[in-house]
Amino acid sequence: MTIDEKAGQLGIEFGAGAARGYLNMAARVGNLIMTSGHVSTMKGKLGADLSVDDGYAAAKEVAVKILKSVHQEVGSLNNLRVVKLFGCVNSTLEFTDQHLVINGASDLLHELFGKEDRGFHARSAVGFAQLPTGVAVEIEAIFEVVG
């Protein structure tokens, strides 16, 4: 089964393409695809308004948005390898489970690309005092086109 087919089974649909925005959401440089920060629709602060489970769901939603942008840039997920995620979590000073929140994105990518294969990636999960418009999670990603 291809990665695009797996995505379809998980309910991830790739449209014909969105209109260009203010910034490029996925830019290709050679064999690398680098994404802009994608944000959750969920707003709030982890450790105050939101639970780890809420943040996990927000990170998974962001990963879906990233996949859609990357698919729009290259036309398929089948020939990609996940290289790196940079996860930003809107959290209180006392909150220390940013890594568990960003697992929402990593787990989805492992499910699609394989945890021991093309989905095995480097990652950072960092807490921020605030993110744009009060969103719970923002994530950037780097993919490699492998063939």
Protein backbone atom coordinates (compact mmCIF):
# COMPACT_ATOMS: atom_id res chain seq x y z
CA MET A 1 0.00 0.00 0.00
CA THR A 2 1.34 3.43 -0.90
CA ILE A 3 1.63 6.27 1.58
CA ASP A 4 -1.02 8.23 -0.34
CA GLU A 5 -3.36 5.23 0.01
CA LYS A 6 -2.60 4.95 3.76
CA ALA A 7 -3.39 8.66 4.13
CA GLY A 8 -6.73 8.09 2.39
CA GLN A 9 -7.55 5.24 4.78
CA LEU A 10 -6.89 7.61 7.68
CA GLY A 11 -9.32 10.14 6.18
CA ILE A 12 -6.67 12.55 4.92
CA GLU A 13 -7.85 13.94 1.60
CA PHE A 14 -5.75 15.96 -0.80
CA GLY A 15 -7.67 18.59 -2.76
CA ALA A 16 -6.88 20.12 -6.10
CA GLY A 17 -4.91 22.86 -4.37
CA ALA A 18 -5.51 25.97 -2.39
CA ALA A 19 -4.94 29.48 -3.61
CA ARG A 20 -1.51 30.89 -2.86
CA GLY A 21 -1.29 32.73 0.42
CA TYR A 22 0.93 35.46 1.75
CA LEU A 23 3.75 32.94 2.33
CA ASN A 24 4.75 29.71 0.64
CA MET A 25 3.56 26.90 2.93
CA ALA A 26 6.02 24.38 1.45
CA ALA A 27 9.15 25.32 -0.47
CA ARG A 28 11.32 22.89 -2.39
CA VAL A 29 15.08 23.32 -2.47
CA GLY A 30 16.74 20.50 -4.39
CA ASN A 31 15.49 17.28 -2.80
CA LEU A 32 14.28 18.96 0.39
CA ILE A 33 10.79 20.27 1.15
CA MET A 34 10.73 22.80 3.99
CA THR A 35 7.42 23.93 5.39
CA SER A 36 6.35 27.16 6.96
CA GLY A 37 4.98 26.88 10.45
CA HIS A 38 1.51 25.36 10.36
CA VAL A 39 -0.81 26.08 13.27
CA SER A 40 -3.64 24.34 15.05
CA THR A 41 -7.19 25.62 14.99
CA MET A 42 -7.25 24.85 18.72
CA LYS A 43 -6.32 27.83 20.84
CA GLY A 44 -5.18 27.96 24.44
CA LYS A 45 -2.28 27.25 26.71
CA LEU A 46 -1.04 23.80 27.69
CA GLY A 47 -0.83 23.54 31.46
CA ALA A 48 -3.71 25.99 31.95
CA ASP A 49 -6.61 25.73 29.46
CA LEU A 50 -5.59 22.55 27.66
CA SER A 51 -4.56 19.02 28.59
CA VAL A 52 -1.78 16.94 27.04
CA ASP A 53 -4.49 15.00 25.17
CA ASP A 54 -5.86 18.27 23.76
CA GLY A 55 -2.36 19.27 22.65
CA TYR A 56 -1.73 15.84 21.13
CA ALA A 57 -4.89 16.20 19.02
CA ALA A 58 -3.84 19.73 17.99
CA ALA A 59 -0.39 18.49 16.92
CA LYS A 60 -1.95 15.66 14.90
CA GLU A 61 -4.23 18.20 13.18
CA VAL A 62 -1.18 20.32 12.34
CA ALA A 63 0.62 17.30 10.87
CA VAL A 64 -2.35 16.75 8.54
CA LYS A 65 -2.13 20.38 7.40
CA ILE A 66 1.61 19.96 6.77
CA LEU A 67 1.00 16.81 4.73
CA LYS A 68 -1.57 18.64 2.61
CA SER A 69 0.87 21.48 1.91
CA VAL A 70 3.68 19.08 1.04
CA HIS A 71 1.35 17.04 -1.18
CA GLN A 72 0.32 20.24 -2.95
CA GLU A 73 4.00 21.09 -3.56
CA VAL A 74 5.14 17.69 -4.90
CA GLY A 75 1.90 15.92 -5.90
CA SER A 76 2.37 12.81 -3.75
CA LEU A 77 3.68 11.62 -0.40
CA ASN A 78 4.91 8.31 -1.82
CA ASN A 79 8.52 9.31 -2.47
CA LEU A 80 9.14 11.27 0.70
CA ARG A 81 11.11 10.72 3.89
CA VAL A 82 10.41 12.72 7.05
CA VAL A 83 13.65 14.40 8.12
CA LYS A 84 12.81 16.83 10.94
CA LEU A 85 9.97 18.36 12.94
CA PHE A 86 10.21 21.52 15.00
CA GLY A 87 7.25 21.65 17.37
CA CYS A 88 6.25 24.78 19.28
CA VAL A 89 3.81 24.43 22.17
CA ASN A 90 1.96 27.37 23.75
CA SER A 91 2.49 26.49 27.41
CA THR A 92 2.76 27.77 30.93
CA LEU A 93 6.18 28.10 32.55
CA GLU A 94 5.41 25.04 34.69
CA PHE A 95 4.36 22.78 31.79
CA THR A 96 7.11 20.31 30.86
CA ASP A 97 5.35 17.78 28.60
CA GLN A 98 5.86 19.52 25.25
CA HIS A 99 7.34 16.30 23.87
CA LEU A 100 4.11 14.41 24.64
CA VAL A 101 2.10 17.06 22.79
CA ILE A 102 4.27 16.92 19.64
CA ASN A 103 3.98 13.11 19.71
CA GLY A 104 0.59 13.74 18.07
CA ALA A 105 2.41 14.79 14.90
CA SER A 106 5.21 12.23 15.16
CA ASP A 107 2.83 9.33 15.74
CA LEU A 108 0.81 10.21 12.62
CA LEU A 109 3.97 10.42 10.51
CA HIS A 110 5.19 7.11 11.95
CA GLU A 111 1.85 5.54 11.06
CA LEU A 112 2.05 6.77 7.47
CA PHE A 113 5.76 6.49 6.68
CA GLY A 114 6.82 3.77 9.15
CA LYS A 115 8.48 4.28 12.51
CA GLU A 116 11.61 2.37 11.48
CA ASP A 117 11.65 3.55 7.86
CA ARG A 118 10.89 6.85 6.12
CA GLY A 119 9.00 8.20 9.11
CA PHE A 120 11.94 7.96 11.54
CA HIS A 121 12.79 11.62 12.06
CA ALA A 122 14.69 14.12 14.16
CA ARG A 123 12.54 16.41 16.29
CA SER A 124 12.46 19.32 18.69
CA ALA A 125 9.55 20.06 21.04
CA VAL A 126 9.79 23.47 22.67
CA GLY A 127 7.55 25.49 24.97
CA PHE A 128 6.67 29.09 24.15
CA ALA A 129 5.03 31.74 26.31
CA GLN A 130 2.74 32.60 23.39
CA LEU A 131 2.18 31.64 19.76
CA PRO A 132 0.53 33.75 17.02
CA THR A 133 -3.19 34.35 17.60
CA GLY A 134 -3.07 32.19 20.73
CA VAL A 135 -2.89 28.82 18.92
CA ALA A 136 -1.94 25.77 20.97
CA VAL A 137 0.62 24.29 18.57
CA GLU A 138 2.78 25.36 15.62
CA ILE A 139 4.98 22.91 13.72
CA GLU A 140 7.54 23.19 10.93
CA ALA A 141 8.76 20.15 8.98
CA ILE A 142 11.48 19.10 6.57
CA PHE A 143 10.97 16.23 4.11
CA GLU A 144 13.36 14.68 1.61
CA VAL A 145 12.30 13.51 -1.85
CA VAL A 146 13.92 10.08 -2.09
CA GLY A 147 12.89 8.77 -5.46
